Amino acid sequence: MSSGNNCQPQSLTKPALSEKEAMELVDRVFGLKVSGIRPLPSYDDQNFHVRVSRNKGADEVADEYVLKITNSEDSQEPDLIEAQTQAMMFLSAEGFPSATPYLTKDGNIMSLEAGDTGPGNKKYMVRLLTYLPGMPVAKIATNAQILYEIGKLAASLDKALSEKFHHPSVKSLHRGQFIWNLANVPLLDQYIYALGQNKYREVVEQVIEQFKGKVIPKLSSFRACINHGDLNDHNILVDSSSASLENPQYRVSGILDFGDMSYGYYVFEVAIAIMYMMIESPDPLSVGGHVLAGFESVVPLTEEERGALFLLVSGRFSQSLVIAAHTALLYPENKEYLMITAKTGWKHLMTMSEVGQEAVEKTWFETAAAYTNRAPA
């Protein structure tokens, strides 16, 4: 979802290739002839859905890919993109539904290419990734079963990366001032002006101050790991594994966008997943318990980690809402995409603030406890 350690204007960093230029890029770099192309939404990179026709015997089949053109700022950190891509390849090999790169004509997983549009001599890192099937969680009516599965996925993914992923590029995931790392909620102070003066700003300022006083001092007691960092309702794809319309059973069919990977803590990942699963839910405060139960079926939280969960979820709402407002001021032409979360995010953050930590935690923890002796509903 993000770009770099600061919030540079997207107009200065986001690629703007035409479909024709993108098709030529795929031909030149990957040696593939594109038979169909369409743009995909993206926060600050540029993505295209690409179809490539191939003759296999007597039949012509179309392979599908995502052409990912990384913004010029992040493209200056090849080690970081290498780590993200190697992590995707590792997870795919471990059985997770993660995309893998199609190699360039030179046999590399990515290529630094000059941009033909816009001012300056910008260069963009280019990858061609396998296209994953399924629909975003944002498009379905979530139920307890898929929320539990998403929580379980979040824990399993972090655990696998932290215990088994040892590529040399992994050191680049120590991203101290990365604005989207949950530890950096206090950095929102410099962007909060974008909210103006209103009740929303007051709540965010309370979250930031409580975060500084109650979460930051406890970070050293949390268990560290590698976080995906952006398991939102558009980055998790699902398909239905049952024919029942009344009670559909879903499975995760794809995990997208590893651009926010960084070293963090297990409790960060579950908080991020809870926050994003709340966005589209008609009963948002109930969501956390199902996600938490799934997460704790793999990685049970400690009491200190559980005690920070409410503020971590509130902190992620604040990050998403403040940074979106700030970026929309700088880049108004992409405002509609940038403000997706804000449509319901403010309502949910305000509700959490009004209901209070004790009551919200009671709902979450009681729901999670009900799973202890039974499978998810």
Protein backbone atom coordinates (compact mmCIF):
# COMPACT_ATOMS: atom_id res chain seq x y z
CA MET A 1 0.00 0.00 0.00
CA SER A 2 2.85 2.31 0.67
CA SER A 3 5.84 4.19 -0.55
CA GLY A 4 9.09 4.54 1.26
CA ASN A 5 9.75 5.98 4.68
CA ASN A 6 8.12 9.31 4.01
CA CYS A 7 5.01 10.44 2.17
CA GLN A 8 6.46 11.84 -1.02
CA PRO A 9 3.84 13.13 -3.43
CA GLN A 10 2.72 10.25 -5.59
CA SER A 11 2.84 12.46 -8.68
CA LEU A 12 6.62 12.50 -8.22
CA THR A 13 7.04 8.75 -7.79
CA LYS A 14 4.13 6.80 -9.33
CA PRO A 15 4.72 5.33 -12.81
CA ALA A 16 2.37 6.42 -15.59
CA LEU A 17 2.98 4.09 -18.52
CA SER A 18 0.34 3.74 -21.22
CA GLU A 19 -1.05 0.30 -22.09
CA LYS A 20 0.99 0.37 -25.32
CA GLU A 21 4.19 1.15 -23.40
CA ALA A 22 3.42 -1.63 -20.92
CA MET A 23 2.89 -4.15 -23.74
CA GLU A 24 6.20 -3.15 -25.32
CA LEU A 25 7.87 -3.48 -21.92
CA VAL A 26 6.63 -7.07 -21.50
CA ASP A 27 7.91 -7.94 -24.98
CA ARG A 28 11.30 -6.28 -24.51
CA VAL A 29 12.07 -7.42 -20.96
CA PHE A 30 10.31 -10.79 -20.72
CA GLY A 31 10.09 -11.86 -24.37
CA LEU A 32 6.31 -12.35 -24.25
CA LYS A 33 3.70 -11.13 -26.74
CA VAL A 34 0.71 -9.58 -24.96
CA SER A 35 -2.74 -10.50 -26.31
CA GLY A 36 -4.72 -8.49 -23.76
CA ILE A 37 -3.97 -5.85 -21.12
CA ARG A 38 -5.96 -3.80 -18.61
CA PRO A 39 -4.90 -1.54 -15.71
CA LEU A 40 -5.36 -2.67 -12.11
CA PRO A 41 -5.86 -0.28 -9.16
CA SER A 42 -2.81 0.48 -7.07
CA TYR A 43 -1.81 2.84 -4.28
CA ASP A 44 1.51 4.09 -5.61
CA ASP A 45 2.87 1.48 -8.02
CA GLN A 46 1.38 0.79 -11.45
CA ASN A 47 -0.13 -2.63 -12.13
CA PHE A 48 -1.52 -4.23 -15.29
CA HIS A 49 -3.36 -7.51 -15.80
CA VAL A 50 -1.65 -9.11 -18.79
CA ARG A 51 -2.77 -12.01 -20.98
CA VAL A 52 -0.19 -13.86 -23.05
CA SER A 53 -1.32 -16.33 -25.70
CA ARG A 54 0.78 -19.41 -26.29
CA ASN A 55 0.43 -22.34 -28.65
CA LYS A 56 0.51 -25.67 -26.82
CA GLY A 57 0.15 -28.40 -29.38
CA ALA A 58 -3.02 -27.78 -31.34
CA ASP A 59 -4.49 -25.53 -28.66
CA GLU A 60 -3.91 -21.89 -27.94
CA VAL A 61 -3.97 -21.06 -24.23
CA ALA A 62 -3.77 -17.72 -22.47
CA ASP A 63 -1.45 -17.34 -19.49
CA GLU A 64 -2.27 -14.51 -17.07
CA TYR A 65 0.19 -12.29 -15.23
CA VAL A 66 0.38 -9.06 -13.27
CA LEU A 67 2.92 -6.58 -14.59
CA LYS A 68 4.08 -4.67 -11.51
CA ILE A 69 5.94 -1.40 -12.11
CA THR A 70 7.27 -0.16 -8.77
CA ASN A 71 7.25 3.56 -8.00
CA SER A 72 10.52 5.40 -8.57
CA GLU A 73 11.19 5.94 -4.86
CA ASP A 74 10.92 2.28 -3.84
CA SER A 75 12.75 1.28 -7.04
CA GLN A 76 15.87 2.80 -5.49
CA GLU A 77 15.84 -0.03 -2.92
CA PRO A 78 16.50 -3.15 -5.00
CA ASP A 79 17.46 -5.22 -1.94
CA LEU A 80 14.04 -4.56 -0.43
CA ILE A 81 12.19 -5.57 -3.63
CA GLU A 82 14.45 -8.62 -3.85
CA ALA A 83 13.50 -9.59 -0.28
CA GLN A 84 9.79 -9.19 -1.00
CA THR A 85 10.00 -11.25 -4.19
CA GLN A 86 12.13 -13.97 -2.63
CA ALA A 87 9.63 -14.15 0.25
CA MET A 88 6.80 -14.66 -2.26
CA MET A 89 8.75 -17.47 -3.94
CA PHE A 90 9.53 -19.04 -0.55
CA LEU A 91 5.90 -18.90 0.57
CA SER A 92 4.69 -20.41 -2.69
CA ALA A 93 7.13 -23.28 -2.21
CA GLU A 94 5.78 -23.70 1.34
CA GLY A 95 2.24 -24.12 0.01
CA PHE A 96 0.90 -20.60 0.50
CA PRO A 97 -1.13 -19.11 -2.40
CA SER A 98 1.48 -16.52 -3.32
CA ALA A 99 2.45 -15.21 -6.76
CA THR A 100 5.84 -16.05 -8.25
CA PRO A 101 7.88 -14.05 -10.77
CA TYR A 102 8.26 -14.87 -14.46
CA LEU A 103 11.95 -14.45 -15.20
CA THR A 104 13.30 -11.80 -17.55
CA LYS A 105 15.05 -12.75 -20.78
CA ASP A 106 18.28 -12.45 -18.79
CA GLY A 107 17.05 -14.90 -16.17
CA ASN A 108 16.42 -12.33 -13.41
CA ILE A 109 13.37 -11.89 -11.17
CA MET A 110 13.21 -8.13 -11.86
CA SER A 111 14.62 -5.44 -14.12
CA LEU A 112 15.30 -1.72 -13.62
CA GLU A 113 13.80 0.14 -16.58
CA ALA A 114 13.81 3.79 -17.63
CA GLY A 115 10.42 5.51 -17.64
CA ASP A 116 9.34 7.17 -20.88
CA THR A 117 6.86 9.56 -19.30
CA GLY A 118 6.93 12.43 -16.84
CA PRO A 119 9.70 14.84 -15.83
CA GLY A 120 13.17 13.72 -14.86
CA ASN A 121 15.08 10.58 -15.61
CA LYS A 122 13.10 8.16 -13.45
CA LYS A 123 13.72 4.44 -13.31
CA TYR A 124 11.23 1.81 -12.26
CA MET A 125 11.73 -1.75 -11.07
CA VAL A 126 9.63 -4.10 -13.18
CA ARG A 127 8.36 -7.58 -12.35
CA LEU A 128 5.95 -9.97 -14.06
CA LEU A 129 4.09 -12.03 -11.45
CA THR A 130 1.75 -14.97 -11.86
CA TYR A 131 -1.91 -13.94 -11.70
CA LEU A 132 -3.81 -15.43 -8.76
CA PRO A 133 -7.46 -16.47 -9.05
CA GLY A 134 -10.27 -15.48 -6.72
CA MET A 135 -12.12 -12.41 -5.56
CA PRO A 136 -11.02 -9.90 -2.91
CA VAL A 137 -12.45 -10.38 0.57
CA ALA A 138 -13.89 -6.87 0.14
CA LYS A 139 -16.35 -8.29 -2.43
CA ILE A 140 -17.87 -11.01 -0.21
CA ALA A 141 -20.08 -11.02 2.87
CA THR A 142 -17.56 -12.30 5.40
CA ASN A 143 -18.59 -14.94 7.93
CA ALA A 144 -16.97 -16.41 11.02
CA GLN A 145 -15.36 -19.21 9.00
CA ILE A 146 -13.38 -17.00 6.61
CA LEU A 147 -12.44 -14.53 9.36
CA TYR A 148 -11.00 -17.44 11.36
CA GLU A 149 -9.13 -18.67 8.26
CA ILE A 150 -7.67 -15.21 7.65
CA GLY A 151 -6.44 -15.02 11.24
CA LYS A 152 -4.90 -18.47 10.90
CA LEU A 153 -3.28 -17.46 7.60
CA ALA A 154 -1.78 -14.30 9.14
CA ALA A 155 -0.11 -16.28 11.93
CA SER A 156 1.04 -19.14 9.68
CA LEU A 157 2.55 -16.74 7.15
CA ASP A 158 4.53 -14.76 9.75
CA LYS A 159 5.66 -17.94 11.49
CA ALA A 160 6.93 -19.50 8.26
CA LEU A 161 8.79 -16.32 7.24
CA SER A 162 10.30 -15.80 10.67
CA GLU A 163 11.41 -19.38 11.24
CA LYS A 164 12.42 -20.57 7.75
CA PHE A 165 13.09 -17.63 5.42
CA HIS A 166 16.83 -16.98 5.42
CA HIS A 167 17.64 -15.24 2.14
CA PRO A 168 20.54 -12.71 2.40
CA SER A 169 18.22 -9.85 1.34
CA VAL A 170 16.12 -10.32 4.49
CA LYS A 171 18.22 -7.74 6.35
CA SER A 172 16.61 -5.03 4.22
CA LEU A 173 13.32 -5.66 6.06
CA HIS A 174 14.67 -3.72 9.06
CA ARG A 175 12.87 -0.50 8.03
CA GLY A 176 13.25 1.79 11.03
CA GLN A 177 11.24 4.85 9.94
CA PHE A 178 8.85 3.04 7.58
CA ILE A 179 5.58 4.94 7.95
CA TRP A 180 3.36 1.82 7.70
CA ASN A 181 5.13 -0.19 10.39
CA LEU A 182 2.74 -0.20 13.36
CA ALA A 183 5.55 0.79 15.72
CA ASN A 184 5.63 4.14 13.90
CA VAL A 185 2.15 5.41 14.80
CA PRO A 186 3.85 8.37 16.59
CA LEU A 187 5.20 9.54 13.20
CA LEU A 188 1.61 10.49 12.28
CA ASP A 189 2.15 13.73 14.21
CA GLN A 190 3.79 15.23 11.11
CA TYR A 191 0.84 14.42 8.80
CA ILE A 192 -2.14 15.03 11.07
CA TYR A 193 -2.60 18.57 9.73
CA ALA A 194 -4.32 16.95 6.71
CA LEU A 195 -7.37 16.19 8.88
CA GLY A 196 -8.09 19.85 9.64
CA GLN A 197 -9.60 20.70 13.03
CA ASN A 198 -12.49 18.39 13.93
CA LYS A 199 -13.63 15.52 16.17
CA TYR A 200 -11.78 13.02 14.00
CA ARG A 201 -8.47 14.72 14.61
CA GLU A 202 -9.15 14.77 18.35
CA VAL A 203 -9.66 10.99 18.42
CA VAL A 204 -6.51 10.34 16.37
CA GLU A 205 -4.49 12.61 18.66
CA GLN A 206 -5.76 10.59 21.65
CA VAL A 207 -4.76 7.34 19.94
CA ILE A 208 -1.26 8.66 19.21
CA GLU A 209 -0.73 9.84 22.79
CA GLN A 210 -2.01 6.58 24.30
CA PHE A 211 0.14 4.65 21.83
CA LYS A 212 3.24 6.56 22.93
CA GLY A 213 2.48 5.91 26.60
CA LYS A 214 1.12 2.35 26.57
CA VAL A 215 2.42 0.54 23.47
CA ILE A 216 5.88 1.93 22.71
CA PRO A 217 7.29 1.07 26.18
CA LYS A 218 6.09 -2.54 25.79
CA LEU A 219 7.47 -3.25 22.33
CA SER A 220 10.53 -5.00 23.74
CA SER A 221 8.27 -7.55 25.45
CA PHE A 222 6.44 -8.49 22.23
CA ARG A 223 7.66 -11.43 20.13
CA ALA A 224 9.42 -10.22 17.01
CA CYS A 225 8.81 -11.62 13.54
CA ILE A 226 8.59 -10.66 9.87
CA ASN A 227 5.23 -9.06 9.06
CA HIS A 228 3.43 -9.07 5.71
CA GLY A 229 2.10 -5.81 7.06
CA ASP A 230 -0.89 -5.25 4.76
CA LEU A 231 -3.33 -8.16 4.92
CA ASN A 232 -6.23 -5.96 3.93
CA ASP A 233 -9.57 -6.85 2.34
CA HIS A 234 -8.19 -6.17 -1.16
CA ASN A 235 -4.93 -8.08 -0.69
CA ILE A 236 -6.54 -11.39 0.32
CA LEU A 237 -8.29 -13.33 -2.45
CA VAL A 238 -10.82 -16.07 -1.73
CA ASP A 239 -12.93 -18.58 -3.59
CA SER A 240 -15.91 -20.56 -2.40
CA SER A 241 -15.32 -24.20 -1.50
CA SER A 242 -19.00 -25.06 -1.05
CA ALA A 243 -22.20 -24.85 -3.05
CA SER A 244 -24.26 -23.57 -0.11
CA LEU A 245 -25.58 -20.07 -0.73
CA GLU A 246 -26.89 -19.76 2.83
CA ASN A 247 -23.60 -20.62 4.51
CA PRO A 248 -20.77 -20.44 1.97
CA GLN A 249 -17.39 -21.84 2.99
CA TYR A 250 -14.43 -19.89 1.68
CA ARG A 251 -10.76 -20.62 1.29
CA VAL A 252 -7.92 -18.19 0.70
CA SER A 253 -6.79 -18.44 -2.93
CA GLY A 254 -4.28 -15.60 -3.06
CA ILE A 255 -2.10 -13.30 -0.97
CA LEU A 256 -1.15 -10.06 -2.71
CA ASP A 257 1.15 -7.06 -2.25
CA PHE A 258 4.23 -7.72 -0.14
CA GLY A 259 5.35 -4.10 -0.44
CA ASP A 260 4.80 -3.35 3.26
CA MET A 261 6.87 -6.25 4.59
CA SER A 262 9.09 -5.35 7.50
CA TYR A 263 10.37 -6.67 10.80
CA GLY A 264 7.73 -6.19 13.45
CA TYR A 265 5.84 -8.34 15.93
CA TYR A 266 3.28 -11.13 15.75
CA VAL A 267 0.67 -8.99 17.48
CA PHE A 268 1.06 -6.33 14.76
CA GLU A 269 -0.12 -8.76 12.08
CA VAL A 270 -3.27 -9.83 13.90
CA ALA A 271 -4.12 -6.20 14.70
CA ILE A 272 -3.72 -5.19 11.05
CA ALA A 273 -5.88 -8.12 9.90
CA ILE A 274 -8.59 -7.29 12.44
CA MET A 275 -8.68 -3.64 11.39
CA TYR A 276 -9.04 -4.38 7.69
CA MET A 277 -11.62 -7.13 8.20
CA MET A 278 -13.70 -4.61 10.17
CA ILE A 279 -13.89 -2.24 7.18
CA GLU A 280 -16.66 -3.98 5.21
CA SER A 281 -18.38 -5.76 8.08
CA PRO A 282 -21.95 -4.83 9.09
CA ASP A 283 -21.00 -5.82 12.66
CA PRO A 284 -17.40 -4.58 12.89
CA LEU A 285 -16.82 -4.96 16.63
CA SER A 286 -17.56 -8.69 16.44
CA VAL A 287 -14.91 -9.33 13.78
CA GLY A 288 -11.85 -9.22 16.04
CA GLY A 289 -12.71 -12.30 18.06
CA HIS A 290 -12.94 -14.59 15.02
CA VAL A 291 -9.70 -13.31 13.49
CA LEU A 292 -7.98 -13.55 16.89
CA ALA A 293 -9.18 -17.15 17.38
CA GLY A 294 -7.72 -18.17 14.04
CA PHE A 295 -4.43 -16.40 14.75
CA GLU A 296 -4.13 -17.94 18.22
CA SER A 297 -4.74 -21.44 16.84
CA VAL A 298 -1.20 -21.04 15.43
CA VAL A 299 0.45 -18.36 17.61
CA PRO A 300 -1.28 -17.75 20.99
CA LEU A 301 -0.71 -14.19 22.20
CA THR A 302 0.81 -13.37 25.57
CA GLU A 303 -1.14 -11.28 28.08
CA GLU A 304 0.94 -8.19 27.25
CA GLU A 305 0.34 -8.66 23.52
CA ARG A 306 -3.39 -9.09 24.09
CA GLY A 307 -3.43 -6.00 26.27
CA ALA A 308 -2.04 -3.90 23.40
CA LEU A 309 -4.45 -5.19 20.75
CA PHE A 310 -7.11 -2.48 21.08
CA LEU A 311 -4.57 0.34 20.72
CA LEU A 312 -2.80 -1.44 17.86
CA VAL A 313 -6.06 -1.78 15.91
CA SER A 314 -6.89 1.87 16.66
CA GLY A 315 -3.35 2.79 15.61
CA ARG A 316 -3.73 1.07 12.26
CA PHE A 317 -7.04 2.83 11.62
CA SER A 318 -5.26 6.10 12.42
CA GLN A 319 -2.34 5.31 10.08
CA SER A 320 -4.63 4.43 7.21
CA LEU A 321 -6.93 7.42 7.63
CA VAL A 322 -4.28 10.08 8.27
CA ILE A 323 -1.91 8.96 5.49
CA ALA A 324 -4.79 8.67 3.01
CA ALA A 325 -5.96 12.19 3.85
CA HIS A 326 -2.41 13.53 3.56
CA THR A 327 -1.74 11.78 0.25
CA ALA A 328 -5.11 12.80 -1.21
CA LEU A 329 -4.16 16.45 -0.64
CA LEU A 330 -0.97 15.93 -2.63
CA TYR A 331 -2.47 13.70 -5.30
CA PRO A 332 -6.18 14.58 -5.69
CA GLU A 333 -6.63 12.74 -9.00
CA ASN A 334 -6.24 9.41 -7.14
CA LYS A 335 -8.46 10.48 -4.25
CA GLU A 336 -11.21 7.91 -4.84
CA TYR A 337 -8.82 4.96 -4.53
CA LEU A 338 -6.89 6.52 -1.67
CA MET A 339 -10.03 7.07 0.39
CA ILE A 340 -11.47 3.52 0.10
CA THR A 341 -10.81 2.78 3.76
CA ALA A 342 -12.05 6.20 4.89
CA LYS A 343 -15.60 5.51 3.70
CA THR A 344 -16.25 3.35 6.76
CA GLY A 345 -12.95 3.64 8.61
CA TRP A 346 -13.79 6.86 10.43
CA LYS A 347 -17.10 5.43 11.61
CA HIS A 348 -15.40 2.32 13.00
CA LEU A 349 -12.60 4.23 14.74
CA MET A 350 -15.12 6.58 16.34
CA THR A 351 -17.23 3.61 17.48
CA MET A 352 -14.20 1.93 19.05
CA SER A 353 -13.39 5.16 20.86
CA GLU A 354 -16.96 5.58 22.13
CA VAL A 355 -17.46 1.96 23.20
CA GLY A 356 -14.05 1.88 24.89
CA GLN A 357 -11.20 -0.57 25.26
CA GLU A 358 -12.70 -2.67 28.04
CA ALA A 359 -15.98 -3.43 26.27
CA VAL A 360 -14.35 -4.06 22.86
CA GLU A 361 -11.77 -6.40 24.36
CA LYS A 362 -14.50 -8.27 26.24
CA THR A 363 -16.29 -8.94 22.93
CA TRP A 364 -13.09 -10.04 21.18
CA PHE A 365 -11.76 -12.25 23.94
CA GLU A 366 -15.08 -13.94 24.71
CA THR A 367 -15.59 -14.75 21.02
CA ALA A 368 -12.06 -16.14 20.76
CA ALA A 369 -12.50 -18.18 23.95
CA ALA A 370 -15.60 -19.86 22.50
CA TYR A 371 -13.36 -21.46 19.83
CA THR A 372 -11.17 -23.24 22.38
CA ASN A 373 -13.27 -26.39 22.46
CA ARG A 374 -14.77 -26.36 18.99
CA ALA A 375 -13.96 -25.84 15.33
CA PRO A 376 -14.89 -22.50 13.71
CA ALA A 377 -18.57 -22.06 12.88
